[in-house]
Amino acid sequence: MDFFKKHPIITNLLLMAVCGVVLVVVAMFGLSIWTAHGQTQIVPDVRKMTVAEARSVLSGCNLQTEVVDSVYDSGVDRGAIVEQVPPGGNRVKPGRTVYLTINALSPRQVTLPELVGCSIRQARASLESMGFKDIREVRVPSDYRDLVLAVKSMGITLRAGTKLPLTSALVIEVGEGYSAAEPDSTEVYNEADTDDFFDATYSD
């Protein structure tokens, strides 16, 4: 005790060092508890479940849920979960959020762009990039080859700006074009053939 009284500076330094060690130990212990260090939870597979069912299952495993996207798949029940992140079977820390993608109740609708006058390649690429799958081409007489003349669905001509489901079957009418080598439909008689015809007719 006399040593500490005689050397107050050393005493203060020692106290500061002890306090620093205690604070570090407490911080590390608290951080371990806060981050659930060493604790893991297996993520259950909730695909094909409804959102309500998935939330119940994940909540029972101390996991959070969030619906982040929707798609449309005719082969999956409407409203069912089609994808989850992280996938089922992964180990995560308790409290982790599982992000869900659900199957939409109806196909997503999009606005048809102006395609008349475009090349068939450009029109098809545009429709496929939007998500259309059922696209058919029909060739029709036209002065310009490979240009889109009309876009139809169920026999109805569609205008630009029309909203329709991505599952719609589309028919693109494409110009066939005329070949330069195609012969003229009008018969041409040369002068010699004409003279022979009249000679044979009026020879008597």
C-alpha atoms as a PDB file:
ATOM      1  CA  MET A   1       0.000   0.000   0.000  1.00  0.00           C
ATOM      2  CA  ASP A   2       2.877   2.364   0.819  1.00  0.00           C
ATOM      3  CA  PHE A   3       4.266   1.758  -2.687  1.00  0.00           C
ATOM      4  CA  PHE A   4       1.048   2.893  -4.328  1.00  0.00           C
ATOM      5  CA  LYS A   5       0.883   5.951  -2.059  1.00  0.00           C
ATOM      6  CA  LYS A   6       4.444   6.909  -2.875  1.00  0.00           C
ATOM      7  CA  HIS A   7       4.013   6.385  -6.662  1.00  0.00           C
ATOM      8  CA  PRO A   8       0.547   7.725  -7.605  1.00  0.00           C
ATOM      9  CA  ILE A   9       1.423   7.935 -11.305  1.00  0.00           C
ATOM     10  CA  ILE A  10       2.286   4.240 -11.497  1.00  0.00           C
ATOM     11  CA  THR A  11      -0.866   3.459  -9.536  1.00  0.00           C
ATOM     12  CA  ASN A  12      -3.021   5.366 -11.998  1.00  0.00           C
ATOM     13  CA  LEU A  13      -1.352   3.680 -14.952  1.00  0.00           C
ATOM     14  CA  LEU A  14      -1.979   0.248 -13.452  1.00  0.00           C
ATOM     15  CA  LEU A  15      -5.618   1.109 -12.756  1.00  0.00           C
ATOM     16  CA  MET A  16      -6.054   2.308 -16.333  1.00  0.00           C
ATOM     17  CA  ALA A  17      -4.530  -0.897 -17.664  1.00  0.00           C
ATOM     18  CA  VAL A  18      -6.798  -3.033 -15.492  1.00  0.00           C
ATOM     19  CA  CYS A  19      -9.871  -1.049 -16.564  1.00  0.00           C
ATOM     20  CA  GLY A  20      -8.840  -1.412 -20.223  1.00  0.00           C
ATOM     21  CA  VAL A  21      -8.532  -5.179 -19.922  1.00  0.00           C
ATOM     22  CA  VAL A  22     -11.903  -5.402 -18.186  1.00  0.00           C
ATOM     23  CA  LEU A  23     -13.567  -3.274 -20.883  1.00  0.00           C
ATOM     24  CA  VAL A  24     -12.078  -5.403 -23.669  1.00  0.00           C
ATOM     25  CA  VAL A  25     -13.251  -8.622 -22.013  1.00  0.00           C
ATOM     26  CA  VAL A  26     -16.752  -7.217 -21.457  1.00  0.00           C
ATOM     27  CA  ALA A  27     -16.934  -5.907 -25.046  1.00  0.00           C
ATOM     28  CA  MET A  28     -15.867  -9.228 -26.532  1.00  0.00           C
ATOM     29  CA  PHE A  29     -18.318 -11.140 -24.366  1.00  0.00           C
ATOM     30  CA  GLY A  30     -21.154  -8.757 -25.233  1.00  0.00           C
ATOM     31  CA  LEU A  31     -20.294  -8.883 -28.934  1.00  0.00           C
ATOM     32  CA  SER A  32     -20.300 -12.666 -28.863  1.00  0.00           C
ATOM     33  CA  ILE A  33     -23.778 -12.640 -27.341  1.00  0.00           C
ATOM     34  CA  TRP A  34     -25.006  -9.930 -29.752  1.00  0.00           C
ATOM     35  CA  THR A  35     -23.769 -11.723 -32.888  1.00  0.00           C
ATOM     36  CA  ALA A  36     -24.734 -15.204 -31.622  1.00  0.00           C
ATOM     37  CA  HIS A  37     -21.160 -16.347 -32.112  1.00  0.00           C
ATOM     38  CA  GLY A  38     -20.933 -20.112 -32.457  1.00  0.00           C
ATOM     39  CA  GLN A  39     -24.713 -20.526 -32.785  1.00  0.00           C
ATOM     40  CA  THR A  40     -26.182 -21.783 -36.060  1.00  0.00           C
ATOM     41  CA  GLN A  41     -29.595 -22.733 -37.333  1.00  0.00           C
ATOM     42  CA  ILE A  42     -30.464 -24.970 -40.292  1.00  0.00           C
ATOM     43  CA  VAL A  43     -32.754 -23.193 -42.749  1.00  0.00           C
ATOM     44  CA  PRO A  44     -35.826 -25.319 -43.530  1.00  0.00           C
ATOM     45  CA  ASP A  45     -36.969 -25.754 -47.122  1.00  0.00           C
ATOM     46  CA  VAL A  46     -40.207 -23.777 -47.436  1.00  0.00           C
ATOM     47  CA  ARG A  47     -40.646 -23.986 -51.209  1.00  0.00           C
ATOM     48  CA  LYS A  48     -44.179 -24.869 -52.397  1.00  0.00           C
ATOM     49  CA  MET A  49     -45.559 -23.594 -49.070  1.00  0.00           C
ATOM     50  CA  THR A  50     -47.789 -20.547 -48.792  1.00  0.00           C
ATOM     51  CA  VAL A  51     -46.311 -17.394 -47.286  1.00  0.00           C
ATOM     52  CA  ALA A  52     -48.289 -17.914 -44.074  1.00  0.00           C
ATOM     53  CA  GLU A  53     -47.040 -21.490 -43.727  1.00  0.00           C
ATOM     54  CA  ALA A  54     -43.456 -20.464 -44.449  1.00  0.00           C
ATOM     55  CA  ARG A  55     -43.541 -17.666 -41.879  1.00  0.00           C
ATOM     56  CA  SER A  56     -44.843 -20.053 -39.260  1.00  0.00           C
ATOM     57  CA  VAL A  57     -42.113 -22.618 -39.968  1.00  0.00           C
ATOM     58  CA  LEU A  58     -39.295 -20.068 -40.149  1.00  0.00           C
ATOM     59  CA  SER A  59     -40.481 -18.218 -37.064  1.00  0.00           C
ATOM     60  CA  GLY A  60     -40.341 -21.496 -35.154  1.00  0.00           C
ATOM     61  CA  CYS A  61     -36.666 -21.717 -36.154  1.00  0.00           C
ATOM     62  CA  ASN A  62     -35.991 -18.152 -34.982  1.00  0.00           C
ATOM     63  CA  LEU A  63     -35.685 -16.873 -38.540  1.00  0.00           C
ATOM     64  CA  GLN A  64     -37.245 -13.807 -40.141  1.00  0.00           C
ATOM     65  CA  THR A  65     -39.037 -13.723 -43.518  1.00  0.00           C
ATOM     66  CA  GLU A  66     -39.374 -11.140 -46.275  1.00  0.00           C
ATOM     67  CA  VAL A  67     -41.131 -11.469 -49.645  1.00  0.00           C
ATOM     68  CA  VAL A  68     -38.938  -9.729 -52.211  1.00  0.00           C
ATOM     69  CA  ASP A  69     -40.234 -10.797 -55.636  1.00  0.00           C
ATOM     70  CA  SER A  70     -42.919 -12.659 -57.573  1.00  0.00           C
ATOM     71  CA  VAL A  71     -42.889 -14.667 -60.794  1.00  0.00           C
ATOM     72  CA  TYR A  72     -45.512 -16.611 -62.700  1.00  0.00           C
ATOM     73  CA  ASP A  73     -45.177 -20.360 -63.261  1.00  0.00           C
ATOM     74  CA  SER A  74     -48.238 -22.237 -64.477  1.00  0.00           C
ATOM     75  CA  GLY A  75     -46.783 -25.465 -63.079  1.00  0.00           C
ATOM     76  CA  VAL A  76     -46.766 -24.181 -59.483  1.00  0.00           C
ATOM     77  CA  ASP A  77     -49.719 -23.392 -57.225  1.00  0.00           C
ATOM     78  CA  ARG A  78     -50.628 -19.725 -57.174  1.00  0.00           C
ATOM     79  CA  GLY A  79     -49.251 -17.921 -54.152  1.00  0.00           C
ATOM     80  CA  ALA A  80     -46.770 -20.730 -53.405  1.00  0.00           C
ATOM     81  CA  ILE A  81     -43.097 -20.020 -52.745  1.00  0.00           C
ATOM     82  CA  VAL A  82     -40.881 -20.861 -55.720  1.00  0.00           C
ATOM     83  CA  GLU A  83     -37.497 -19.705 -54.422  1.00  0.00           C
ATOM     84  CA  GLN A  84     -35.796 -18.821 -51.140  1.00  0.00           C
ATOM     85  CA  VAL A  85     -32.484 -17.239 -50.166  1.00  0.00           C
ATOM     86  CA  PRO A  86     -30.619 -18.761 -48.422  1.00  0.00           C
ATOM     87  CA  PRO A  87     -31.746 -22.189 -49.710  1.00  0.00           C
ATOM     88  CA  GLY A  88     -33.041 -24.914 -47.421  1.00  0.00           C
ATOM     89  CA  GLY A  89     -30.342 -26.920 -45.651  1.00  0.00           C
ATOM     90  CA  ASN A  90     -27.932 -23.992 -45.202  1.00  0.00           C
ATOM     91  CA  ARG A  91     -26.666 -23.109 -41.736  1.00  0.00           C
ATOM     92  CA  VAL A  92     -27.192 -19.505 -40.647  1.00  0.00           C
ATOM     93  CA  LYS A  93     -27.219 -17.532 -37.416  1.00  0.00           C
ATOM     94  CA  PRO A  94     -30.488 -17.229 -35.496  1.00  0.00           C
ATOM     95  CA  GLY A  95     -32.512 -14.172 -36.471  1.00  0.00           C
ATOM     96  CA  ARG A  96     -31.324 -14.251 -40.081  1.00  0.00           C
ATOM     97  CA  THR A  97     -33.837 -13.092 -42.717  1.00  0.00           C
ATOM     98  CA  VAL A  98     -34.912 -15.591 -45.379  1.00  0.00           C
ATOM     99  CA  TYR A  99     -35.928 -13.846 -48.629  1.00  0.00           C
ATOM    100  CA  LEU A 100     -38.835 -15.405 -50.512  1.00  0.00           C
ATOM    101  CA  THR A 101     -40.028 -15.315 -54.127  1.00  0.00           C
ATOM    102  CA  ILE A 102     -43.656 -16.323 -54.617  1.00  0.00           C
ATOM    103  CA  ASN A 103     -45.688 -17.495 -57.595  1.00  0.00           C
ATOM    104  CA  ALA A 104     -47.972 -14.653 -58.688  1.00  0.00           C
ATOM    105  CA  LEU A 105     -51.735 -15.115 -58.660  1.00  0.00           C
ATOM    106  CA  SER A 106     -51.911 -14.088 -62.330  1.00  0.00           C
ATOM    107  CA  PRO A 107     -49.413 -13.630 -65.192  1.00  0.00           C
ATOM    108  CA  ARG A 108     -47.580 -10.329 -65.276  1.00  0.00           C
ATOM    109  CA  GLN A 109     -48.911  -7.923 -67.869  1.00  0.00           C
ATOM    110  CA  VAL A 110     -46.707  -5.785 -70.079  1.00  0.00           C
ATOM    111  CA  THR A 111     -47.256  -3.012 -72.603  1.00  0.00           C
ATOM    112  CA  LEU A 112     -46.699  -3.969 -76.237  1.00  0.00           C
ATOM    113  CA  PRO A 113     -44.157  -1.686 -77.963  1.00  0.00           C
ATOM    114  CA  GLU A 114     -44.428  -0.387 -81.522  1.00  0.00           C
ATOM    115  CA  LEU A 115     -43.238  -3.256 -83.726  1.00  0.00           C
ATOM    116  CA  VAL A 116     -44.886  -2.556 -87.077  1.00  0.00           C
ATOM    117  CA  GLY A 117     -42.178  -1.581 -89.549  1.00  0.00           C
ATOM    118  CA  CYS A 118     -39.397  -3.210 -87.536  1.00  0.00           C
ATOM    119  CA  SER A 119     -37.380  -6.154 -88.799  1.00  0.00           C
ATOM    120  CA  ILE A 120     -38.588  -9.565 -87.653  1.00  0.00           C
ATOM    121  CA  ARG A 121     -35.280 -10.147 -85.867  1.00  0.00           C
ATOM    122  CA  GLN A 122     -35.615  -6.900 -83.903  1.00  0.00           C
ATOM    123  CA  ALA A 123     -39.288  -7.548 -83.088  1.00  0.00           C
ATOM    124  CA  ARG A 124     -38.659 -11.101 -81.889  1.00  0.00           C
ATOM    125  CA  ALA A 125     -35.696 -10.025 -79.757  1.00  0.00           C
ATOM    126  CA  SER A 126     -37.800  -7.262 -78.183  1.00  0.00           C
ATOM    127  CA  LEU A 127     -40.698  -9.610 -77.359  1.00  0.00           C
ATOM    128  CA  GLU A 128     -38.436 -12.332 -75.988  1.00  0.00           C
ATOM    129  CA  SER A 129     -36.591  -9.835 -73.779  1.00  0.00           C
ATOM    130  CA  MET A 130     -39.959  -8.805 -72.319  1.00  0.00           C
ATOM    131  CA  GLY A 131     -40.708 -12.428 -71.419  1.00  0.00           C
ATOM    132  CA  PHE A 132     -42.984 -13.687 -74.198  1.00  0.00           C
ATOM    133  CA  LYS A 133     -42.445 -17.369 -75.005  1.00  0.00           C
ATOM    134  CA  ASP A 134     -45.149 -18.322 -77.499  1.00  0.00           C
ATOM    135  CA  ILE A 135     -44.218 -16.381 -80.651  1.00  0.00           C
ATOM    136  CA  ARG A 136     -45.049 -17.564 -84.181  1.00  0.00           C
ATOM    137  CA  GLU A 137     -44.258 -16.027 -87.550  1.00  0.00           C
ATOM    138  CA  VAL A 138     -46.585 -15.987 -90.572  1.00  0.00           C
ATOM    139  CA  ARG A 139     -45.370 -14.848 -93.979  1.00  0.00           C
ATOM    140  CA  VAL A 140     -47.719 -12.637 -96.024  1.00  0.00           C
ATOM    141  CA  PRO A 141     -47.308 -10.928 -99.420  1.00  0.00           C
ATOM    142  CA  SER A 142     -45.491  -7.615 -99.183  1.00  0.00           C
ATOM    143  CA  ASP A 143     -43.101  -5.410-101.150  1.00  0.00           C
ATOM    144  CA  TYR A 144     -40.622  -5.462 -98.250  1.00  0.00           C
ATOM    145  CA  ARG A 145     -39.158  -8.703 -96.997  1.00  0.00           C
ATOM    146  CA  ASP A 146     -38.732  -9.492 -93.273  1.00  0.00           C
ATOM    147  CA  LEU A 147     -40.560  -6.383 -92.032  1.00  0.00           C
ATOM    148  CA  VAL A 148     -43.302  -6.717 -89.419  1.00  0.00           C
ATOM    149  CA  LEU A 149     -46.735  -5.858 -90.814  1.00  0.00           C
ATOM    150  CA  ALA A 150     -48.882  -6.709 -87.774  1.00  0.00           C
ATOM    151  CA  VAL A 151     -48.858  -8.440 -84.389  1.00  0.00           C
ATOM    152  CA  LYS A 152     -51.902 -10.511 -83.474  1.00  0.00           C
ATOM    153  CA  SER A 153     -53.189 -12.549 -80.552  1.00  0.00           C
ATOM    154  CA  MET A 154     -56.213 -14.838 -80.813  1.00  0.00           C
ATOM    155  CA  GLY A 155     -56.908 -13.380 -84.266  1.00  0.00           C
ATOM    156  CA  ILE A 156     -57.028  -9.793 -82.988  1.00  0.00           C
ATOM    157  CA  THR A 157     -54.586  -7.196 -84.333  1.00  0.00           C
ATOM    158  CA  LEU A 158     -52.743  -5.571 -81.432  1.00  0.00           C
ATOM    159  CA  ARG A 159     -51.783  -1.921 -81.339  1.00  0.00           C
ATOM    160  CA  ALA A 160     -48.732  -0.465 -79.651  1.00  0.00           C
ATOM    161  CA  GLY A 161     -49.575   0.317 -76.027  1.00  0.00           C
ATOM    162  CA  THR A 162     -51.868  -2.688 -75.598  1.00  0.00           C
ATOM    163  CA  LYS A 163     -51.428  -4.434 -72.247  1.00  0.00           C
ATOM    164  CA  LEU A 164     -51.466  -8.218 -72.325  1.00  0.00           C
ATOM    165  CA  PRO A 165     -50.236 -11.153 -70.186  1.00  0.00           C
ATOM    166  CA  LEU A 166     -46.812 -12.619 -70.873  1.00  0.00           C
ATOM    167  CA  THR A 167     -48.478 -15.994 -71.409  1.00  0.00           C
ATOM    168  CA  SER A 168     -50.269 -14.703 -74.530  1.00  0.00           C
ATOM    169  CA  ALA A 169     -49.653 -16.495 -77.822  1.00  0.00           C
ATOM    170  CA  LEU A 170     -48.465 -13.967 -80.409  1.00  0.00           C
ATOM    171  CA  VAL A 171     -48.521 -14.212 -84.197  1.00  0.00           C
ATOM    172  CA  ILE A 172     -46.242 -11.861 -86.125  1.00  0.00           C
ATOM    173  CA  GLU A 173     -47.181 -11.200 -89.724  1.00  0.00           C
ATOM    174  CA  VAL A 174     -43.968 -10.730 -91.693  1.00  0.00           C
ATOM    175  CA  GLY A 175     -43.534  -9.455 -95.252  1.00  0.00           C
ATOM    176  CA  GLU A 176     -42.580 -12.137 -97.730  1.00  0.00           C
ATOM    177  CA  GLY A 177     -41.267  -9.763-100.383  1.00  0.00           C
ATOM    178  CA  TYR A 178     -41.260 -10.309-104.134  1.00  0.00           C
ATOM    179  CA  SER A 179     -38.337 -11.931-105.922  1.00  0.00           C
ATOM    180  CA  ALA A 180     -36.704  -9.919-108.710  1.00  0.00           C
ATOM    181  CA  ALA A 181     -36.432 -13.126-110.725  1.00  0.00           C
ATOM    182  CA  GLU A 182     -40.164 -13.770-110.556  1.00  0.00           C
ATOM    183  CA  PRO A 183     -41.557 -13.809-114.119  1.00  0.00           C
ATOM    184  CA  ASP A 184     -44.225 -11.363-115.228  1.00  0.00           C
ATOM    185  CA  SER A 185     -47.698 -12.873-115.287  1.00  0.00           C
ATOM    186  CA  THR A 186     -48.510 -11.218-118.651  1.00  0.00           C
ATOM    187  CA  GLU A 187     -47.607 -13.291-121.686  1.00  0.00           C
ATOM    188  CA  VAL A 188     -45.369 -11.502-124.209  1.00  0.00           C
ATOM    189  CA  TYR A 189     -45.569 -12.356-127.887  1.00  0.00           C
ATOM    190  CA  ASN A 190     -42.796 -11.335-130.186  1.00  0.00           C
ATOM    191  CA  GLU A 191     -43.465 -10.046-133.657  1.00  0.00           C
ATOM    192  CA  ALA A 192     -42.510 -13.293-135.386  1.00  0.00           C
ATOM    193  CA  ASP A 193     -44.969 -15.312-133.306  1.00  0.00           C
ATOM    194  CA  THR A 194     -47.737 -12.832-134.131  1.00  0.00           C
ATOM    195  CA  ASP A 195     -47.096 -13.006-137.857  1.00  0.00           C
ATOM    196  CA  ASP A 196     -47.112 -16.831-137.763  1.00  0.00           C
ATOM    197  CA  PHE A 197     -50.443 -16.774-135.950  1.00  0.00           C
ATOM    198  CA  PHE A 198     -52.144 -14.534-138.532  1.00  0.00           C
ATOM    199  CA  ASP A 199     -50.620 -16.488-141.435  1.00  0.00           C
ATOM    200  CA  ALA A 200     -51.992 -19.731-140.055  1.00  0.00           C
ATOM    201  CA  THR A 201     -55.404 -18.233-139.424  1.00  0.00           C
ATOM    202  CA  TYR A 202     -56.035 -16.472-142.709  1.00  0.00           C
ATOM    203  CA  SER A 203     -54.004 -18.651-145.108  1.00  0.00           C
ATOM    204  CA  ASP A 204     -57.207 -20.080-146.507  1.00  0.00           C
END
